[in-house]
Protein backbone atom coordinates (compact mmCIF):
# COMPACT_ATOMS: atom_id res chain seq x y z
CA MET A 1 54.78 -37.53 33.84
CA ILE A 2 55.91 -33.94 32.69
CA LYS A 3 56.55 -35.43 29.19
CA ILE A 4 52.92 -36.57 29.12
CA LEU A 5 51.58 -33.14 30.17
CA LYS A 6 53.82 -31.31 27.71
CA LYS A 7 52.65 -33.66 24.88
CA ARG A 8 48.92 -33.15 25.93
CA LEU A 9 49.30 -29.42 26.09
CA SER A 10 51.09 -29.13 22.73
CA GLN A 11 48.34 -31.06 20.91
CA GLU A 12 45.75 -29.04 19.06
CA GLU A 13 42.26 -29.50 20.24
CA GLU A 14 39.64 -30.34 17.67
CA GLY A 15 35.94 -29.69 18.07
CA PHE A 16 33.98 -28.48 20.99
CA THR A 17 33.36 -29.94 24.37
CA LEU A 18 29.82 -31.00 25.38
CA ILE A 19 29.57 -28.06 27.80
CA GLU A 20 30.36 -25.65 25.27
CA LEU A 21 27.76 -27.04 22.90
CA MET A 22 25.15 -27.00 25.68
CA VAL A 23 25.78 -23.29 26.51
CA VAL A 24 25.32 -22.39 22.80
CA LEU A 25 21.99 -24.28 22.67
CA LEU A 26 20.91 -22.55 25.78
CA ILE A 27 21.64 -19.11 24.31
CA ILE A 28 19.75 -20.06 21.17
CA ALA A 29 16.79 -21.26 23.28
CA ILE A 30 16.68 -17.94 25.16
CA LEU A 31 16.73 -15.92 21.98
CA MET A 32 13.87 -17.93 20.53
CA LEU A 33 11.74 -17.41 23.78
CA ILE A 34 12.21 -13.66 23.25
CA ALA A 35 11.67 -13.63 19.43
CA ILE A 36 8.72 -15.89 18.86
CA PRO A 37 6.05 -13.95 20.94
CA THR A 38 7.30 -10.81 19.37
CA PHE A 39 6.93 -12.23 15.86
CA LEU A 40 3.43 -13.57 16.64
CA GLY A 41 2.38 -10.21 17.95
CA ALA A 42 3.67 -8.53 14.75
CA ARG A 43 1.81 -11.15 12.64
CA THR A 44 -1.50 -10.47 14.33
CA LYS A 45 -1.14 -6.72 14.12
CA ALA A 46 -0.51 -7.14 10.33
CA GLN A 47 -3.47 -9.24 9.77
CA ASN A 48 -5.62 -6.79 11.56
CA ARG A 49 -4.23 -3.92 9.47
CA GLY A 50 -4.99 -5.86 6.33
CA ALA A 51 -8.59 -6.21 7.25
CA GLN A 52 -8.80 -2.47 8.11
CA SER A 53 -7.20 -1.62 4.85
CA ASP A 54 -9.77 -3.68 2.96
CA LEU A 55 -12.56 -1.70 4.80
CA ARG A 56 -11.04 1.59 3.79
CA ASN A 57 -10.89 0.55 0.08
CA ALA A 58 -14.53 -0.75 0.36
CA LEU A 59 -15.64 2.62 1.73
CA THR A 60 -14.02 4.42 -1.14
CA ALA A 61 -15.91 2.15 -3.44
CA GLU A 62 -19.16 2.77 -1.56
CA LYS A 63 -18.70 6.45 -1.71
CA THR A 64 -18.07 6.34 -5.42
CA ALA A 65 -21.29 4.26 -5.79
CA TYR A 66 -23.14 6.99 -3.78
CA THR A 67 -21.76 9.78 -5.81
CA SER A 68 -22.95 8.02 -9.02
CA GLY A 69 -26.45 6.96 -7.87
CA SER A 70 -27.18 9.15 -4.74
CA LYS A 71 -27.58 5.92 -2.58
CA TYR A 72 -25.22 3.28 -1.18
CA VAL A 73 -25.50 -0.23 -2.53
CA ALA A 74 -25.32 -3.70 -1.03
CA ALA A 75 -22.70 -6.31 -1.96
CA GLY A 76 -25.10 -8.46 -4.13
CA THR A 77 -25.81 -5.86 -6.75
CA GLY A 78 -22.51 -6.23 -8.62
CA VAL A 79 -21.74 -2.51 -8.64
CA LEU A 80 -19.20 -2.78 -5.92
CA SER A 81 -17.44 -5.57 -7.72
CA LYS A 82 -16.89 -3.39 -10.78
CA LEU A 83 -15.67 -0.52 -8.66
CA GLU A 84 -13.28 -2.42 -6.45
CA PRO A 85 -12.41 -5.76 -8.01
CA SER A 86 -9.69 -6.56 -5.67
CA LEU A 87 -12.08 -7.21 -2.94
CA LYS A 88 -14.31 -10.29 -2.53
CA TRP A 89 -17.77 -8.81 -1.77
CA THR A 90 -20.32 -10.70 0.32
CA ALA A 91 -23.90 -10.19 1.62
CA GLY A 92 -23.16 -12.46 4.64
CA ALA A 93 -20.72 -12.38 7.46
CA PRO A 94 -17.13 -12.29 6.10
CA SER A 95 -14.83 -15.28 6.74
CA LYS A 96 -11.31 -15.13 8.16
CA THR A 97 -10.31 -17.87 5.76
CA VAL A 98 -11.09 -15.78 2.60
CA ALA A 99 -8.63 -12.98 2.07
CA ASN A 100 -9.85 -9.57 1.14
CA GLN A 101 -13.53 -10.46 1.86
CA VAL A 102 -15.88 -7.55 2.91
CA GLU A 103 -19.49 -7.56 3.70
CA ALA A 104 -21.46 -4.61 2.48
CA LEU A 105 -24.83 -3.64 3.69
CA ALA A 106 -27.01 -0.72 2.79
CA SER A 107 -29.96 0.82 4.68
CA THR A 108 -33.37 0.70 3.11
CA THR A 109 -33.12 4.47 2.56
CA GLY A 110 -29.77 4.13 0.84
CA ASN A 111 -28.12 6.98 2.91
CA THR A 112 -26.16 4.51 5.19
CA THR A 113 -23.67 1.88 4.44
CA CYS A 114 -22.12 -0.72 6.89
CA LEU A 115 -19.02 -2.53 5.95
CA TYR A 116 -17.41 -5.44 7.82
CA ALA A 117 -14.25 -7.54 7.40
CA GLN A 118 -12.65 -10.32 9.59
CA SER A 119 -8.98 -10.43 10.00
CA ALA A 120 -7.00 -13.80 9.69
CA SER A 121 -6.60 -13.45 13.52
CA GLY A 122 -10.45 -13.56 13.98
CA THR A 123 -11.29 -10.11 14.99
CA TYR A 124 -14.21 -8.31 13.10
CA TYR A 125 -13.89 -4.71 12.04
CA GLY A 126 -16.64 -2.53 10.83
CA MET A 127 -16.98 0.85 9.16
CA ALA A 128 -20.22 2.79 8.63
CA ASP A 129 -20.92 5.83 6.76
CA ILE A 130 -24.06 7.99 7.14
CA ALA A 131 -24.32 10.31 4.12
CA THR A 132 -27.03 12.72 5.30
CA GLY A 133 -28.87 13.73 8.37
CA THR A 134 -27.89 14.82 11.97
CA GLY A 135 -25.50 11.74 12.55
CA ALA A 136 -23.73 12.11 9.09
CA GLY A 137 -20.14 10.86 9.27
CA THR A 138 -17.90 7.91 9.34
CA TYR A 139 -17.90 5.41 12.22
CA PHE A 140 -15.67 2.52 13.26
CA ILE A 141 -16.26 -0.61 15.39
CA THR A 142 -14.25 -3.63 16.66
CA LEU A 143 -16.22 -6.78 17.41
CA THR A 144 -15.40 -10.05 18.94
CA GLY A 145 -18.32 -11.88 17.36
CA ALA A 146 -20.09 -11.72 13.95
CA PRO A 147 -21.62 -8.38 12.94
CA SER A 148 -25.35 -7.49 12.84
CA ALA A 149 -27.09 -8.27 9.53
CA THR A 150 -28.97 -4.92 9.64
CA CYS A 151 -27.59 -1.38 8.78
CA ASP A 152 -29.51 1.41 10.18
CA ALA A 153 -28.41 4.96 11.00
CA ALA A 154 -30.06 4.87 14.42
CA ALA A 155 -28.15 1.74 15.49
CA ILE A 156 -24.76 3.29 14.39
CA THR A 157 -24.91 6.45 16.55
CA PRO A 158 -21.84 6.29 18.75
CA VAL A 159 -22.52 4.92 22.18
CA SER A 160 -19.34 6.59 23.58
CA THR A 161 -16.98 9.27 22.63
CA THR A 162 -14.09 7.98 24.87
CA ASN A 163 -10.90 7.03 23.21
CA PRO A 164 -10.41 4.13 22.84
CA PRO A 165 -14.15 3.43 22.80
CA PRO A 166 -15.58 0.47 24.71
CA ALA A 167 -15.41 -2.91 22.89
CA GLY A 168 -18.45 -3.38 20.58
CA SER A 169 -19.57 0.39 20.35
CA TRP A 170 -19.43 2.64 17.31
CA SER A 171 -16.99 5.48 17.56
CA THR A 172 -15.83 8.36 15.48
CA SER A 173 -12.16 7.67 16.26
CA SER A 174 -10.40 5.25 13.78
CA PHE A 175 -9.23 1.82 14.59
C-alpha cells in the first residue's frame, strides 16, 4: 500500500482538474459582468459626443455663411456643403443611421439658425444661434424625440437657467 502511494505521489500531474477549470471560468464570467456594462456606457458617451462635435462644426460653417452673407442659410442651399463638406446636410430630421448628418434650419429673417443631429444611440442634440437682438447668443438642447421643423428666435429663448436644464428646454449651458 505504501509503495502504491509513493508511486502515485512521485508521478507528475498533467492537466487541470475540473474544479480548477470551473473556478477559472467563474472568474472570467465575473470580470465580463463588470466590463461589458462599462464598455457599453463608454460607447454611448462616444456616440453622443460625436453628434455634439458635428453640431459644433456645423455652427462654425453657419457662422461663416452669416459673416459672408449677413444671414444664416438652410441646408438645401448648397452653401453649407461647400463650407463643411465632411457633414451630410439635410433639411429634414437627421437619422441615427447616417453618420455626420446635421439638419440646418434658418429663420425667415435670417438672423437665427437651428442645427440638429442624432447620435447613434438615438438621442437628438440641437444648437441654435441668434445673431442679433435681445436674445442673441448660442443655445443648446437635448431631445428624446425628433426636433421641431421650425426655427424662430422666440421659441429658442431659454425656458430655464438651471444647470443641468430640464430635458427638452433650451439652455445657455453646453451639453
